[in-house]
Amino acid sequence: MKSKKLCNVLTLVLMAAMVSSCEKMVPTDGAKSETLQNGNVILHVSQFEQKPFESRSRGEASDYCTRLCFHIYDEGGTRVKYVNQKQEDAGFGSASFTLDEGRYVLVVVGHNASANPSFSANEKVSISGKNLGDTFWCCEELEVKSDGLEKSLELKRIVSLVRFIPTDENPATLDQMVIKYKGSRGTFNGLTGFGSTDVNQTVDMEVSPDDTQFEFYMIPSALENTLSAEISTYSHSATGSVIPLTQKTIDQIPVKRNCVTICRGNLFDGKSSERSVFITVSIDGEWDEDINLTF
């Protein structure tokens, strides 16, 4: 029954969103939470997604993200309250609101970008792709009654980490890598947590010949996705001229949220390097099992 209520609320929100303007609302950092004593709705971020076969983590919110955004919508899809928090704020991870009795939809985003995401009227949430890092999310129905509400929240990791480990030698003058693919990166549906764009993306990284791996975050648009990546490398002369070095296309790279996809192979089409044989990859235990791909 509760699941059915949530579906009805989300349907109303989506219908309202379709007829409303798509103009972005970019919240400022100035919106503050009401004191926990004054608000009738109190929210606590208490859990972050772990591997499904391990216990849940109850670490502090600051262990996982530097910013938290709480956005509350009424049944018509209108945002009625929001609070943006920084890691250094007192009470980081808890928020208080004063709301009338009724049903609402809560969207929470925990992230590590340098600025808060923008929220559009159609529930599109956008984090600058350049700043995209580990990102967590939840969407919950809130039913506020006369005695108020206090709720603990579990945020789920919605990003995939794509990591390339070359088994050949890096170009000696390597200083830039550009990865291009089509799909979603930092824009997602606030109601589902899945990526909501299918456009050409460019990941531009400063690198060095000593780097042993190269990686970027993205938000998959479904439970399981694949992408094709075009990887180009460059060096820069003393006068600032850009010198192309190598180019490689890798097809059918599997990506899944809360997973690290590790791609191993001859990335630069050069001589095999002895060091690649002995590379040990240490994976953060909070991630789900790795996806390994040899190209």
Protein backbone atom coordinates (compact mmCIF):
# COMPACT_ATOMS: atom_id res chain seq x y z
CA MET A 1 0.00 0.00 0.00
CA LYS A 2 2.80 2.38 0.90
CA SER A 3 4.53 1.56 -2.41
CA LYS A 4 1.29 2.30 -4.27
CA LYS A 5 0.97 5.67 -2.50
CA LEU A 6 4.51 6.55 -3.47
CA CYS A 7 3.85 5.64 -7.11
CA ASN A 8 0.75 7.86 -7.12
CA VAL A 9 2.68 10.78 -5.66
CA LEU A 10 5.54 10.37 -8.13
CA THR A 11 3.08 10.15 -11.03
CA LEU A 12 1.50 13.45 -9.96
CA VAL A 13 4.93 15.06 -9.74
CA LEU A 14 5.88 13.87 -13.21
CA MET A 15 2.56 15.03 -14.72
CA ALA A 16 2.99 18.44 -13.18
CA ALA A 17 6.53 18.60 -14.43
CA MET A 18 5.49 17.89 -18.03
CA VAL A 19 3.22 20.91 -18.16
CA SER A 20 5.50 23.24 -16.25
CA SER A 21 8.36 25.38 -17.48
CA CYS A 22 11.80 23.82 -17.91
CA GLU A 23 13.52 26.90 -16.56
CA LYS A 24 16.28 25.95 -14.14
CA MET A 25 16.14 26.89 -10.51
CA VAL A 26 19.68 27.20 -9.21
CA PRO A 27 19.54 27.30 -5.40
CA THR A 28 21.98 29.44 -3.51
CA ASP A 29 24.11 28.22 -0.65
CA GLY A 30 22.26 30.60 1.65
CA ALA A 31 19.18 28.46 2.36
CA LYS A 32 19.56 27.28 5.95
CA SER A 33 17.85 24.51 7.87
CA GLU A 34 15.42 25.49 10.59
CA THR A 35 16.55 24.52 14.07
CA LEU A 36 15.81 20.93 15.00
CA GLN A 37 13.72 22.20 17.90
CA ASN A 38 11.45 24.38 15.74
CA GLY A 39 10.79 22.20 12.70
CA ASN A 40 8.04 19.58 12.61
CA VAL A 41 9.87 17.48 9.98
CA ILE A 42 13.35 16.28 10.93
CA LEU A 43 15.53 14.30 8.50
CA HIS A 44 18.77 12.44 9.21
CA VAL A 45 21.13 10.96 6.62
CA SER A 46 22.24 7.84 8.49
CA GLN A 47 23.17 5.22 5.88
CA PHE A 48 25.10 5.02 2.63
CA GLU A 49 24.89 2.13 0.20
CA GLN A 50 27.27 -0.78 0.77
CA LYS A 51 27.75 -4.03 -1.07
CA PRO A 52 24.45 -5.95 -0.93
CA PHE A 53 26.07 -8.90 0.87
CA GLU A 54 27.75 -6.79 3.55
CA SER A 55 26.34 -4.80 6.45
CA ARG A 56 25.15 -1.25 5.89
CA SER A 57 27.47 1.58 6.85
CA ARG A 58 26.38 4.02 9.51
CA GLY A 59 29.33 6.36 9.11
CA GLU A 60 28.97 10.12 9.24
CA ALA A 61 27.72 11.90 6.12
CA SER A 62 31.03 13.76 6.00
CA ASP A 63 32.81 10.43 5.38
CA TYR A 64 31.21 10.23 1.95
CA CYS A 65 30.38 13.71 0.67
CA THR A 66 31.20 17.37 1.17
CA ARG A 67 27.77 18.76 0.27
CA LEU A 68 24.16 17.71 0.86
CA CYS A 69 21.06 19.09 -0.85
CA PHE A 70 17.56 18.47 0.57
CA HIS A 71 14.69 19.47 -1.78
CA ILE A 72 11.01 18.98 -0.91
CA TYR A 73 8.15 19.07 -3.48
CA ASP A 74 4.41 19.12 -2.94
CA GLU A 75 2.01 16.75 -4.73
CA GLY A 76 1.75 19.18 -7.63
CA GLY A 77 5.49 19.08 -8.27
CA THR A 78 6.25 22.54 -6.86
CA ARG A 79 9.33 22.88 -4.71
CA VAL A 80 8.23 24.17 -1.30
CA LYS A 81 11.42 23.91 0.79
CA TYR A 82 15.11 23.27 0.30
CA VAL A 83 18.32 23.30 2.28
CA ASN A 84 21.90 23.06 0.98
CA GLN A 85 24.61 22.07 3.43
CA LYS A 86 28.40 22.11 3.37
CA GLN A 87 30.59 19.71 5.26
CA GLU A 88 31.73 22.43 7.66
CA ASP A 89 28.16 23.43 8.61
CA ALA A 90 26.93 22.54 12.09
CA GLY A 91 24.54 19.59 11.97
CA PHE A 92 25.76 18.41 8.56
CA GLY A 93 23.65 15.39 7.63
CA SER A 94 20.48 16.46 9.48
CA ALA A 95 17.84 18.94 8.32
CA SER A 96 14.65 20.39 9.81
CA PHE A 97 11.63 21.89 8.03
CA THR A 98 8.27 23.33 9.01
CA LEU A 99 5.62 21.88 6.70
CA ASP A 100 1.83 21.78 6.62
CA GLU A 101 0.14 18.42 6.97
CA GLY A 102 0.09 16.53 3.69
CA ARG A 103 2.17 14.43 1.32
CA TYR A 104 5.45 15.51 -0.18
CA VAL A 105 8.32 14.12 -2.22
CA LEU A 106 11.85 14.52 -0.88
CA VAL A 107 14.94 14.44 -3.12
CA VAL A 108 18.35 14.36 -1.41
CA VAL A 109 21.70 14.55 -3.21
CA GLY A 110 25.05 14.00 -1.50
CA HIS A 111 28.02 14.98 -3.64
CA ASN A 112 31.60 16.22 -3.75
CA ALA A 113 31.43 18.89 -6.45
CA SER A 114 32.65 22.44 -5.83
CA ALA A 115 29.14 23.87 -6.37
CA ASN A 116 25.59 22.68 -5.78
CA PRO A 117 23.67 21.04 -8.63
CA SER A 118 20.89 22.84 -10.45
CA PHE A 119 17.35 21.50 -10.11
CA SER A 120 14.93 21.99 -13.04
CA ALA A 121 11.15 22.12 -12.88
CA ASN A 122 11.04 18.73 -14.63
CA GLU A 123 13.05 17.15 -11.77
CA LYS A 124 16.27 17.16 -13.78
CA VAL A 125 19.29 17.47 -11.51
CA SER A 126 22.57 18.60 -13.04
CA ILE A 127 26.01 18.47 -11.47
CA SER A 128 28.77 20.05 -13.49
CA GLY A 129 30.41 17.15 -15.33
CA LYS A 130 33.81 18.71 -14.80
CA ASN A 131 33.30 18.49 -11.03
CA LEU A 132 31.50 15.14 -10.89
CA GLY A 133 32.83 12.83 -8.20
CA ASP A 134 31.30 10.25 -5.87
CA THR A 135 27.56 11.01 -5.73
CA PHE A 136 24.71 9.66 -3.60
CA TRP A 137 20.93 10.14 -3.83
CA CYS A 138 17.56 9.18 -2.43
CA CYS A 139 13.92 9.97 -3.23
CA GLU A 140 11.32 9.42 -0.53
CA GLU A 141 7.63 10.08 0.09
CA LEU A 142 6.95 12.16 3.20
CA GLU A 143 3.54 12.05 4.86
CA VAL A 144 3.35 14.84 7.41
CA LYS A 145 0.69 14.47 10.12
CA SER A 146 -0.28 16.57 13.12
CA ASP A 147 2.52 15.11 15.25
CA GLY A 148 5.20 15.88 12.66
CA LEU A 149 7.77 13.46 11.27
CA GLU A 150 11.29 12.28 12.00
CA LYS A 151 12.95 10.10 9.39
CA SER A 152 16.31 8.42 8.79
CA LEU A 153 17.48 8.30 5.19
CA GLU A 154 19.66 5.90 3.23
CA LEU A 155 21.47 7.39 0.25
CA LYS A 156 22.44 5.17 -2.69
CA ARG A 157 25.53 5.65 -4.84
CA ILE A 158 24.35 6.49 -8.38
CA VAL A 159 27.70 6.81 -10.16
CA SER A 160 29.89 4.33 -11.98
CA LEU A 161 33.67 4.72 -11.93
CA VAL A 162 35.35 3.82 -15.24
CA ARG A 163 39.05 3.07 -14.82
CA PHE A 164 41.62 2.39 -17.56
CA ILE A 165 44.81 0.50 -16.69
CA PRO A 166 47.25 0.39 -19.61
CA THR A 167 49.38 -2.70 -20.14
CA ASP A 168 51.75 -0.85 -22.49
CA GLU A 169 54.10 2.05 -21.81
CA ASN A 170 52.81 5.59 -21.50
CA PRO A 171 54.12 8.03 -24.12
CA ALA A 172 57.15 9.80 -22.65
CA THR A 173 55.72 13.28 -23.25
CA LEU A 174 52.10 12.53 -22.27
CA ASP A 175 50.40 15.41 -20.43
CA GLN A 176 46.74 15.38 -21.56
CA MET A 177 44.06 12.73 -22.11
CA VAL A 178 40.65 13.35 -23.68
CA ILE A 179 37.94 10.70 -23.41
CA LYS A 180 34.81 11.06 -25.53
CA TYR A 181 31.66 8.98 -25.26
CA LYS A 182 27.91 9.32 -25.76
CA GLY A 183 25.60 9.04 -22.76
CA SER A 184 24.94 10.72 -19.44
CA ARG A 185 27.53 12.14 -17.09
CA GLY A 186 26.38 14.53 -14.36
CA THR A 187 22.67 14.98 -15.23
CA PHE A 188 20.07 12.64 -13.78
CA ASN A 189 16.38 12.24 -12.98
CA GLY A 190 15.75 13.32 -9.40
CA LEU A 191 12.95 10.76 -9.00
CA THR A 192 14.85 7.70 -10.24
CA GLY A 193 18.53 8.54 -9.76
CA PHE A 194 19.37 7.41 -13.30
CA GLY A 195 21.15 9.50 -15.93
CA SER A 196 18.71 11.45 -18.09
CA THR A 197 20.76 12.60 -21.08
CA ASP A 198 22.18 10.80 -24.11
CA VAL A 199 24.58 13.32 -25.58
CA ASN A 200 28.25 13.50 -26.53
CA GLN A 201 30.44 13.88 -23.44
CA THR A 202 34.08 14.99 -23.19
CA VAL A 203 36.31 14.18 -20.23
CA ASP A 204 39.49 16.27 -20.34
CA MET A 205 42.24 15.28 -17.91
CA GLU A 206 45.71 16.53 -17.08
CA VAL A 207 47.93 13.45 -16.85
CA SER A 208 51.59 12.49 -16.75
CA PRO A 209 53.83 9.71 -18.14
CA ASP A 210 54.10 8.28 -14.61
CA ASP A 211 50.36 7.71 -14.17
CA THR A 212 49.42 4.04 -13.91
CA GLN A 213 45.66 4.44 -14.30
CA PHE A 214 43.13 6.92 -15.65
CA GLU A 215 39.51 7.19 -14.50
CA PHE A 216 36.32 9.22 -14.54
CA TYR A 217 32.86 9.16 -12.92
CA MET A 218 29.58 9.02 -14.83
CA ILE A 219 25.91 8.38 -13.96
CA PRO A 220 24.43 5.40 -15.86
CA SER A 221 20.97 5.85 -17.38
CA ALA A 222 19.78 2.32 -16.56
CA LEU A 223 20.59 -0.56 -14.23
CA GLU A 224 23.16 -1.75 -16.75
CA ASN A 225 24.63 0.33 -19.59
CA THR A 226 27.41 0.08 -22.12
CA LEU A 227 29.40 2.87 -23.69
CA SER A 228 32.03 3.29 -26.38
CA ALA A 229 34.99 5.49 -25.49
CA GLU A 230 37.38 7.29 -27.83
CA ILE A 231 40.61 7.98 -25.95
CA SER A 232 43.06 10.52 -27.36
CA THR A 233 46.35 11.59 -25.82
CA TYR A 234 48.41 14.73 -26.36
CA SER A 235 51.52 16.56 -25.30
CA HIS A 236 52.28 20.30 -25.29
CA SER A 237 55.45 21.89 -26.57
CA ALA A 238 57.36 24.64 -24.81
CA THR A 239 55.58 27.15 -27.05
CA GLY A 240 52.13 25.76 -26.16
CA SER A 241 51.52 23.82 -29.35
CA VAL A 242 49.31 20.74 -28.98
CA ILE A 243 50.90 17.55 -30.32
CA PRO A 244 48.60 14.52 -30.89
CA LEU A 245 50.12 11.28 -29.65
CA THR A 246 47.74 8.31 -29.75
CA GLN A 247 44.09 7.47 -30.26
CA LYS A 248 42.15 4.37 -29.24
CA THR A 249 38.47 3.41 -29.36
CA ILE A 250 37.11 0.85 -26.90
CA ASP A 251 33.58 -0.45 -27.58
CA GLN A 252 30.98 -2.07 -25.34
CA ILE A 253 32.34 -0.96 -21.97
CA PRO A 254 29.86 -2.16 -19.32
CA VAL A 255 28.90 0.40 -16.66
CA LYS A 256 26.68 -0.06 -13.63
CA ARG A 257 26.03 2.27 -10.74
CA ASN A 258 27.90 1.52 -7.53
CA CYS A 259 30.46 -0.45 -9.58
CA VAL A 260 34.01 0.16 -10.75
CA THR A 261 34.62 -0.91 -14.35
CA ILE A 262 38.31 -1.77 -14.79
CA CYS A 263 39.54 -1.78 -18.40
CA ARG A 264 42.97 -3.35 -19.00
CA GLY A 265 44.81 -3.47 -22.31
CA ASN A 266 47.21 -1.78 -24.71
CA LEU A 267 45.89 1.74 -24.37
CA PHE A 268 48.70 3.42 -26.32
CA ASP A 269 49.56 0.57 -28.74
CA GLY A 270 53.18 0.67 -27.61
CA LYS A 271 55.69 -1.76 -26.17
CA SER A 272 54.45 -3.88 -23.29
CA SER A 273 55.63 -2.66 -19.91
CA GLU A 274 56.97 -4.99 -17.19
CA ARG A 275 55.26 -2.94 -14.48
CA SER A 276 51.78 -3.80 -15.77
CA VAL A 277 52.22 -7.44 -14.82
CA PHE A 278 52.55 -6.57 -11.14
CA ILE A 279 49.87 -3.88 -10.76
CA THR A 280 47.69 -4.46 -7.69
CA VAL A 281 44.37 -2.64 -7.70
CA SER A 282 42.90 -1.84 -4.27
CA ILE A 283 39.15 -1.29 -4.42
CA ASP A 284 37.14 0.67 -1.87
CA GLY A 285 35.05 -1.88 0.02
CA GLU A 286 31.96 0.31 -0.19
CA TRP A 287 31.66 -0.30 -3.92
CA ASP A 288 29.88 -3.28 -5.40
CA GLU A 289 31.90 -5.96 -7.19
CA ASP A 290 34.18 -4.71 -9.99
CA ILE A 291 33.44 -5.19 -13.66
CA ASN A 292 36.61 -6.26 -15.49
CA LEU A 293 37.12 -5.72 -19.21
CA THR A 294 40.17 -6.66 -21.29
CA PHE A 295 40.52 -4.85 -24.62
